[in-house]
Amino acid sequence: MKNFLRTLGFICACATAGFSATADATGLEQLKTFLATTTRANGVFTQVVTAKSGRKPQQSSGIFAFQRPGKFRWSYEKPYPQLLVSDGATFWSYDPELKQVVIKKLGSAFGSSPAALLSGQDLERNFLLKEGTAENGVEFIEATPRSADASFEHVRIGFVANLPVSMEIHDAFGQVSLLRFVRFEVNPAMRGDIFRFSPPQGADVVRE
C-alpha cells in the first residue's frame, strides 16, 4: 500500500461531463474529448494492487474530488484511511495511523505523473501516447512517460463514451495498480477549501 501511494502520489481523480456515447471514437479521440470538456468531478473508486512476487492482492476503496488545474482530494476509506490533497501547488499526504503529514511542492514531477494524463498538460511533450486494444466495448490508450525519472513505466486508461472507467499503472518493480471509477458526479459545485489541508494538532509534519 505504501509503495503504491508513493507511486500514485500525484494521481488526480477523473470525471466526465455527461457526453453522449460515440461508438466509433478511438481511445485517443475520447481522451481529447474528455480533456476538452471536463473541469471538475467527484465520485467513488476501487483499487487492486498486484505485486510481481505473487503476494495476495491489496484491495482498497475511497472517494475523490478533482478540479483543473492540478487540484484534487483522494481519500482512501477502506481498509486503512489515507488522504492525498493538492491545491495545485502544494501536495499533502496524511496517514492517520502514523499521525504523519508529508508536505511537498508538486514541481516538475507532476508533468510526468499519471495525473498529467487527465489534466491535459503538455501530453505530447511528457508522454508517448498510442492506441491500445479495445476489449469488451472499452477503448484503451497506452501512455509511456518520456522522463527517465518517472515513477511508473506505463499506464493504460480505458474509456467508454468519452469517460475514463479504469486506469492500470505498471511500475518499475512489476507492481500493477488497477483503479476502477465506480461513480462520478459531473462538474458539481465544490467548496474551495476541500483542496487545502491543515495538519491535525499533534501530527508529525515532514517537509520534502
Protein backbone atom coordinates (compact mmCIF):
# COMPACT_ATOMS: atom_id res chain seq x y z
CA MET A 1 0.00 0.00 0.00
CA LYS A 2 2.73 2.46 0.97
CA ASN A 3 4.76 1.76 -2.18
CA PHE A 4 1.69 2.33 -4.30
CA LEU A 5 0.94 5.63 -2.56
CA ARG A 6 4.42 6.87 -3.37
CA THR A 7 3.97 5.80 -6.98
CA LEU A 8 0.48 7.27 -7.23
CA GLY A 9 1.13 10.27 -5.01
CA PHE A 10 0.08 12.80 -7.65
CA ILE A 11 -2.78 10.87 -9.04
CA CYS A 12 -5.67 13.14 -9.89
CA ALA A 13 -9.24 11.93 -9.71
CA CYS A 14 -11.10 11.99 -13.02
CA ALA A 15 -14.60 12.77 -14.22
CA THR A 16 -16.96 13.00 -17.14
CA ALA A 17 -19.12 15.84 -18.40
CA GLY A 18 -22.06 13.63 -19.37
CA PHE A 19 -21.21 13.21 -23.05
CA SER A 20 -23.30 11.14 -25.42
CA ALA A 21 -21.69 7.85 -26.46
CA THR A 22 -19.63 7.78 -29.64
CA ALA A 23 -19.24 4.14 -30.53
CA ASP A 24 -16.68 4.72 -33.27
CA ALA A 25 -14.41 7.05 -31.30
CA THR A 26 -10.92 5.71 -30.62
CA GLY A 27 -9.31 5.84 -27.21
CA LEU A 28 -7.19 8.86 -28.11
CA GLU A 29 -10.21 10.69 -29.51
CA GLN A 30 -12.13 10.02 -26.30
CA LEU A 31 -9.18 11.23 -24.21
CA LYS A 32 -9.12 14.51 -26.16
CA THR A 33 -12.88 14.98 -25.74
CA PHE A 34 -12.63 14.22 -22.03
CA LEU A 35 -9.83 16.75 -21.53
CA ALA A 36 -11.57 19.42 -23.61
CA THR A 37 -14.88 19.30 -21.75
CA THR A 38 -14.25 18.21 -18.16
CA THR A 39 -13.31 20.71 -15.48
CA ARG A 40 -14.18 19.06 -12.16
CA ALA A 41 -15.83 16.00 -10.63
CA ASN A 42 -16.18 13.83 -7.58
CA GLY A 43 -17.03 10.19 -7.09
CA VAL A 44 -16.03 6.75 -5.81
CA PHE A 45 -13.15 4.45 -6.76
CA THR A 46 -11.92 0.93 -6.06
CA GLN A 47 -8.32 -0.20 -6.31
CA VAL A 48 -6.47 -3.52 -6.54
CA VAL A 49 -2.67 -3.64 -6.28
CA THR A 50 -0.94 -6.80 -7.52
CA ALA A 51 2.76 -7.46 -6.84
CA LYS A 52 5.17 -9.37 -9.04
CA SER A 53 6.06 -11.53 -6.04
CA GLY A 54 2.61 -13.09 -6.18
CA ARG A 55 1.55 -11.99 -2.71
CA LYS A 56 -2.16 -11.57 -2.05
CA PRO A 57 -3.55 -8.54 -3.96
CA GLN A 58 -4.24 -5.50 -1.83
CA GLN A 59 -7.74 -4.07 -2.19
CA SER A 60 -8.94 -0.65 -1.15
CA SER A 61 -11.64 1.90 -1.92
CA GLY A 62 -12.46 5.51 -1.32
CA ILE A 63 -13.76 8.81 -2.64
CA PHE A 64 -12.27 11.59 -4.75
CA ALA A 65 -12.75 15.16 -5.88
CA PHE A 66 -10.87 16.93 -8.65
CA GLN A 67 -10.70 20.34 -10.30
CA ARG A 68 -8.39 21.53 -13.05
CA PRO A 69 -5.70 22.62 -12.99
CA GLY A 70 -3.94 20.37 -10.50
CA LYS A 71 -6.39 20.37 -7.60
CA PHE A 72 -7.52 17.07 -6.12
CA ARG A 73 -8.56 15.26 -2.97
CA TRP A 74 -8.02 11.50 -2.98
CA SER A 75 -9.28 9.79 0.18
CA TYR A 76 -8.77 6.09 0.90
CA GLU A 77 -11.55 4.98 3.24
CA LYS A 78 -11.11 1.17 3.42
CA PRO A 79 -9.36 -0.84 4.70
CA TYR A 80 -6.99 1.86 6.01
CA PRO A 81 -7.53 5.63 5.86
CA GLN A 82 -5.08 7.70 3.83
CA LEU A 83 -5.60 11.21 2.46
CA LEU A 84 -3.87 12.86 -0.53
CA VAL A 85 -4.63 16.53 -1.22
CA SER A 86 -3.31 19.13 -3.68
CA ASP A 87 -4.21 22.78 -4.16
CA GLY A 88 -2.33 22.92 -7.46
CA ALA A 89 0.97 23.99 -5.91
CA THR A 90 1.38 22.03 -2.66
CA PHE A 91 0.81 18.31 -2.05
CA TRP A 92 -0.18 16.87 1.34
CA SER A 93 -0.19 13.19 2.29
CA TYR A 94 -1.78 12.33 5.66
CA ASP A 95 -1.57 8.93 7.35
CA PRO A 96 -3.93 8.93 10.38
CA GLU A 97 -2.50 5.65 11.69
CA LEU A 98 1.05 7.03 11.80
CA LYS A 99 -0.20 10.54 12.65
CA GLN A 100 2.16 11.84 9.99
CA VAL A 101 1.76 14.52 7.31
CA VAL A 102 4.18 14.78 4.38
CA ILE A 103 4.22 18.14 2.57
CA LYS A 104 5.92 18.78 -0.77
CA LYS A 105 5.70 21.02 -3.80
CA LEU A 106 4.17 19.48 -6.90
CA GLY A 107 7.09 20.69 -9.00
CA SER A 108 8.10 19.34 -12.39
CA ALA A 109 7.41 15.73 -11.34
CA PHE A 110 3.69 16.36 -11.88
CA GLY A 111 4.23 16.67 -15.63
CA SER A 112 5.31 13.04 -15.97
CA SER A 113 2.86 11.57 -13.45
CA PRO A 114 -0.32 9.65 -14.33
CA ALA A 115 -2.26 12.69 -13.11
CA ALA A 116 -0.95 14.74 -16.02
CA LEU A 117 -2.67 12.38 -18.46
CA LEU A 118 -6.01 13.53 -17.10
CA SER A 119 -5.06 17.17 -16.65
CA GLY A 120 -4.14 17.69 -20.29
CA GLN A 121 -0.85 19.43 -19.53
CA ASP A 122 1.78 19.08 -22.30
CA LEU A 123 0.81 15.49 -23.07
CA GLU A 124 2.85 15.13 -26.25
CA ARG A 125 5.92 16.60 -24.56
CA ASN A 126 5.69 14.40 -21.47
CA PHE A 127 4.28 11.14 -22.87
CA LEU A 128 4.40 8.81 -25.82
CA LEU A 129 0.71 8.12 -26.48
CA LYS A 130 -0.71 5.31 -28.60
CA GLU A 131 -3.94 3.45 -29.14
CA GLY A 132 -4.49 0.32 -27.11
CA THR A 133 -6.55 -2.75 -28.00
CA ALA A 134 -10.30 -2.45 -27.42
CA GLU A 135 -11.82 -5.01 -25.06
CA ASN A 136 -15.50 -5.67 -24.34
CA GLY A 137 -16.61 -2.26 -25.57
CA VAL A 138 -13.85 -0.37 -23.76
CA GLU A 139 -11.37 1.68 -25.81
CA PHE A 140 -7.86 1.91 -24.35
CA ILE A 141 -4.92 4.24 -24.67
CA GLU A 142 -1.38 3.46 -23.56
CA ALA A 143 0.99 6.13 -22.30
CA THR A 144 4.72 5.86 -21.62
CA PRO A 145 6.47 8.75 -19.82
CA ARG A 146 9.36 10.32 -21.70
CA SER A 147 11.15 11.26 -18.47
CA ALA A 148 13.61 8.73 -17.07
CA ASP A 149 12.69 9.95 -13.58
CA ALA A 150 9.01 8.99 -13.83
CA SER A 151 7.66 6.82 -11.01
CA PHE A 152 5.96 4.35 -13.37
CA GLU A 153 6.77 2.56 -16.62
CA HIS A 154 3.45 2.87 -18.41
CA VAL A 155 -0.24 3.35 -17.82
CA ARG A 156 -3.31 2.01 -19.62
CA ILE A 157 -6.55 4.00 -19.44
CA GLY A 158 -9.92 2.62 -20.51
CA PHE A 159 -12.68 4.84 -21.96
CA VAL A 160 -16.39 4.33 -22.54
CA ALA A 161 -18.50 7.16 -24.02
CA ASN A 162 -15.65 9.66 -23.52
CA LEU A 163 -15.41 8.69 -19.86
CA PRO A 164 -12.33 7.10 -18.23
CA VAL A 165 -13.55 3.97 -16.47
CA SER A 166 -10.25 2.41 -15.43
CA MET A 167 -6.56 3.17 -15.01
CA GLU A 168 -3.91 0.43 -14.90
CA ILE A 169 -0.49 1.61 -13.72
CA HIS A 170 2.64 -0.52 -14.13
CA ASP A 171 5.69 0.46 -12.08
CA ALA A 172 9.37 -0.45 -12.44
CA PHE A 173 9.12 -3.15 -9.75
CA GLY A 174 6.48 -5.21 -11.56
CA GLN A 175 3.64 -3.92 -9.41
CA VAL A 176 0.31 -3.28 -11.14
CA SER A 177 -2.29 -0.92 -9.66
CA LEU A 178 -5.77 -1.17 -11.18
CA LEU A 179 -8.24 1.59 -10.38
CA ARG A 180 -11.87 1.46 -11.40
CA PHE A 181 -14.01 4.58 -11.23
CA VAL A 182 -17.35 3.49 -9.83
CA ARG A 183 -19.39 6.70 -9.58
CA PHE A 184 -18.99 10.21 -10.94
CA GLU A 185 -20.80 13.45 -10.17
CA VAL A 186 -20.14 15.70 -13.13
CA ASN A 187 -18.97 19.31 -12.73
CA PRO A 188 -20.56 19.73 -9.29
CA ALA A 189 -20.31 22.84 -7.16
CA MET A 190 -17.33 22.47 -4.82
CA ARG A 191 -16.00 24.33 -1.81
CA GLY A 192 -12.52 25.65 -2.48
CA ASP A 193 -11.26 24.58 0.95
CA ILE A 194 -11.54 20.87 0.16
CA PHE A 195 -8.30 21.24 -1.81
CA ARG A 196 -6.41 22.58 1.20
CA PHE A 197 -5.18 20.65 4.22
CA SER A 198 -4.13 21.72 7.72
CA PRO A 199 -2.14 19.15 9.72
CA PRO A 200 -4.06 17.95 12.79
CA GLN A 201 -2.74 19.05 16.16
CA GLY A 202 -0.05 16.66 17.36
CA ALA A 203 0.71 15.19 13.93
CA ASP A 204 4.33 14.74 12.86
CA VAL A 205 4.95 17.05 9.86
CA VAL A 206 7.64 16.17 7.32
CA ARG A 207 8.55 18.67 4.57
CA GLU A 208 10.28 17.43 1.42
